Amino acid sequence: MGVINPGTMMLASAAVSAVGTLHNMRAQKAALSRENVRYERERKIAALDAIEQENIRKDMLNETLANNMAFQSAAGYYDDSRSFLNISKQAEKKSEKDISNIRLQGQLIDQKYRDQMFENYASYKSNEFGGYVSVISGLATGYGNYDWYKTPKKIKSGDVRIHGGRE
């Protein structure tokens, strides 16, 4: 069995490093994909929660209006009484404002999760590019070292050799 020269060792080291970098890139992609799935699930839960809150607020309005009708009929107000109509109108306005705020909050949460998913995508793409550059650089350096050290070169008279490579 022969001795492995330094050039071969450097080339092998570069190849192992490249494989490690590629593995890390795949692992990061998988982790970001799982995180994006979680964000998508959170988006859907937030949307359902907003709908539920909106429905609760509508139920509260309907209950308030029903209570107002019951009070109005028991107190002897007319159906077209200005004070009765105003009380109901104010309850409806407050409900519309609350529902509008609930929808806005739902949209803000949805946008927050979309932004995080986009940031994950951008981060992965940046790391992917950097990873490939690192792999290519490492392999090029490894091959350069391999080529430099693979065979001793002829020495011309008066030249000084360093490391057994080219002069």
Protein backbone atom coordinates (compact mmCIF):
# COMPACT_ATOMS: atom_id res chain seq x y z
CA MET A 1 0.00 0.00 0.00
CA GLY A 2 1.42 3.33 -1.04
CA VAL A 3 1.64 6.57 0.83
CA ILE A 4 -1.04 9.10 -0.01
CA ASN A 5 0.48 12.36 -1.09
CA PRO A 6 -0.60 15.70 0.43
CA GLY A 7 -2.39 16.75 -2.75
CA THR A 8 -4.70 13.75 -2.65
CA MET A 9 -5.42 14.38 1.01
CA MET A 10 -6.29 18.01 0.30
CA LEU A 11 -8.58 16.99 -2.56
CA ALA A 12 -10.30 14.40 -0.34
CA SER A 13 -10.68 16.99 2.43
CA ALA A 14 -12.28 19.44 -0.01
CA ALA A 15 -14.69 16.75 -1.23
CA VAL A 16 -15.72 15.82 2.33
CA SER A 17 -16.20 19.50 3.17
CA ALA A 18 -18.35 19.97 0.05
CA VAL A 19 -20.53 17.00 1.01
CA GLY A 20 -20.92 18.44 4.51
CA THR A 21 -21.94 21.83 3.12
CA LEU A 22 -24.50 20.22 0.79
CA HIS A 23 -25.91 18.19 3.68
CA ASN A 24 -26.24 21.33 5.82
CA MET A 25 -28.01 23.11 2.97
CA ARG A 26 -30.54 20.26 2.64
CA ALA A 27 -31.09 20.16 6.40
CA GLN A 28 -31.70 23.91 6.49
CA LYS A 29 -34.12 23.69 3.57
CA ALA A 30 -36.06 20.94 5.36
CA ALA A 31 -36.15 22.95 8.61
CA LEU A 32 -37.39 26.08 6.84
CA SER A 33 -40.01 24.05 4.98
CA ARG A 34 -41.29 22.62 8.27
CA GLU A 35 -41.35 26.12 9.75
CA ASN A 36 -43.32 27.42 6.76
CA VAL A 37 -45.84 24.59 7.19
CA ARG A 38 -46.22 25.66 10.82
CA TYR A 39 -46.70 29.30 9.77
CA GLU A 40 -49.33 28.25 7.23
CA ARG A 41 -51.15 26.31 9.94
CA GLU A 42 -50.96 29.33 12.27
CA ARG A 43 -52.35 31.54 9.50
CA LYS A 44 -55.35 29.25 9.10
CA ILE A 45 -55.93 29.09 12.86
CA ALA A 46 -55.73 32.89 13.07
CA ALA A 47 -58.24 33.24 10.21
CA LEU A 48 -60.64 30.84 11.94
CA ASP A 49 -60.19 32.71 15.21
CA ALA A 50 -61.02 36.01 13.50
CA ILE A 51 -64.18 34.50 11.99
CA GLU A 52 -65.13 33.08 15.39
CA GLN A 53 -64.59 36.46 17.08
CA GLU A 54 -66.63 38.16 14.36
CA ASN A 55 -69.48 35.68 14.86
CA ILE A 56 -69.36 36.16 18.63
CA ARG A 57 -69.62 39.92 18.14
CA LYS A 58 -72.57 39.48 15.74
CA ASP A 59 -74.28 37.23 18.29
CA MET A 60 -73.74 39.90 20.95
CA LEU A 61 -75.32 42.49 18.65
CA ASN A 62 -78.31 40.24 17.94
CA GLU A 63 -78.72 39.63 21.66
CA THR A 64 -78.54 43.36 22.39
CA LEU A 65 -81.09 44.13 19.68
CA ALA A 66 -83.38 41.38 20.99
CA ASN A 67 -83.05 42.73 24.53
CA ASN A 68 -83.82 46.21 23.27
CA MET A 69 -86.95 44.91 21.51
CA ALA A 70 -88.05 43.13 24.67
CA PHE A 71 -87.48 46.22 26.76
CA GLN A 72 -89.19 48.42 24.17
CA SER A 73 -92.27 46.23 24.08
CA ALA A 74 -92.42 45.98 27.88
CA ALA A 75 -91.90 49.72 28.35
CA GLY A 76 -94.48 50.67 25.77
CA TYR A 77 -92.22 52.39 23.25
CA TYR A 78 -93.42 52.51 19.69
CA ASP A 79 -91.47 50.55 17.09
CA ASP A 80 -90.57 53.78 15.31
CA SER A 81 -89.66 55.72 18.46
CA ARG A 82 -86.58 57.89 17.82
CA SER A 83 -84.90 56.99 21.12
CA PHE A 84 -85.46 53.28 20.55
CA LEU A 85 -84.19 53.48 16.97
CA ASN A 86 -81.17 55.49 18.13
CA ILE A 87 -80.25 52.93 20.81
CA SER A 88 -80.40 50.13 18.25
CA LYS A 89 -78.49 52.20 15.68
CA GLN A 90 -75.72 52.94 18.21
CA ALA A 91 -75.44 49.22 19.05
CA GLU A 92 -75.13 48.41 15.34
CA LYS A 93 -72.47 51.11 14.80
CA LYS A 94 -70.43 49.81 17.74
CA SER A 95 -70.76 46.27 16.44
CA GLU A 96 -69.66 47.28 12.93
CA LYS A 97 -66.62 49.04 14.38
CA ASP A 98 -65.72 46.01 16.50
CA ILE A 99 -66.12 43.65 13.53
CA SER A 100 -63.97 45.95 11.41
CA ASN A 101 -61.24 45.88 14.08
CA ILE A 102 -61.47 42.08 14.31
CA ARG A 103 -61.04 41.78 10.53
CA LEU A 104 -58.11 44.20 10.58
CA GLN A 105 -56.39 42.22 13.33
CA GLY A 106 -56.93 39.02 11.34
CA GLN A 107 -55.35 40.60 8.26
CA LEU A 108 -52.38 41.88 10.29
CA ILE A 109 -51.73 38.43 11.74
CA ASP A 110 -52.06 36.85 8.30
CA GLN A 111 -49.58 39.35 6.87
CA LYS A 112 -47.15 38.72 9.74
CA TYR A 113 -47.08 35.00 8.95
CA ARG A 114 -46.77 35.66 5.21
CA ASP A 115 -43.80 37.96 5.90
CA GLN A 116 -42.12 35.31 8.03
CA MET A 117 -42.62 32.71 5.32
CA PHE A 118 -41.11 35.08 2.74
CA GLU A 119 -38.14 35.80 5.04
CA ASN A 120 -37.56 32.06 5.39
CA TYR A 121 -37.61 31.69 1.61
CA ALA A 122 -35.19 34.60 1.14
CA SER A 123 -32.90 33.25 3.86
CA TYR A 124 -32.84 29.82 2.27
CA LYS A 125 -32.09 31.22 -1.18
CA SER A 126 -29.25 33.34 0.22
CA ASN A 127 -27.78 30.40 2.12
CA GLU A 128 -28.23 28.13 -0.88
CA PHE A 129 -26.25 30.50 -3.09
CA GLY A 130 -23.56 30.90 -0.43
CA GLY A 131 -23.43 27.14 0.07
CA TYR A 132 -22.90 26.44 -3.61
CA VAL A 133 -20.23 29.14 -3.80
CA SER A 134 -18.53 27.55 -0.78
CA VAL A 135 -18.70 24.08 -2.35
CA ILE A 136 -17.26 25.30 -5.66
CA SER A 137 -14.57 27.33 -3.91
CA GLY A 138 -13.58 24.41 -1.68
CA LEU A 139 -13.44 21.97 -4.58
CA ALA A 140 -11.44 24.41 -6.71
CA THR A 141 -8.99 25.01 -3.87
CA GLY A 142 -8.75 21.27 -3.18
CA TYR A 143 -8.08 20.52 -6.84
CA GLY A 144 -5.55 23.33 -7.00
CA ASN A 145 -3.71 21.91 -4.01
CA TYR A 146 -3.94 18.41 -5.46
CA ASP A 147 -2.50 19.62 -8.75
CA TRP A 148 0.24 21.51 -6.92
CA TYR A 149 1.33 18.61 -4.75
CA LYS A 150 0.51 15.57 -6.91
CA THR A 151 3.91 15.04 -8.56
CA PRO A 152 7.27 16.55 -7.94
CA LYS A 153 8.37 18.85 -10.71
CA LYS A 154 11.79 18.95 -12.30
CA ILE A 155 14.05 21.46 -10.68
CA LYS A 156 16.07 23.71 -12.87
CA SER A 157 19.51 24.51 -11.68
CA GLY A 158 19.48 27.39 -9.22
CA ASP A 159 15.74 27.12 -8.40
CA VAL A 160 14.57 26.64 -4.87
CA ARG A 161 11.66 24.26 -4.30
CA ILE A 162 9.12 24.75 -1.57
CA HIS A 163 6.85 21.89 -0.39
CA GLY A 164 7.71 19.59 -3.26
CA GLY A 165 5.38 21.42 -5.64
CA ARG A 166 6.02 23.55 -8.64
CA GLU A 167 8.80 26.04 -8.60
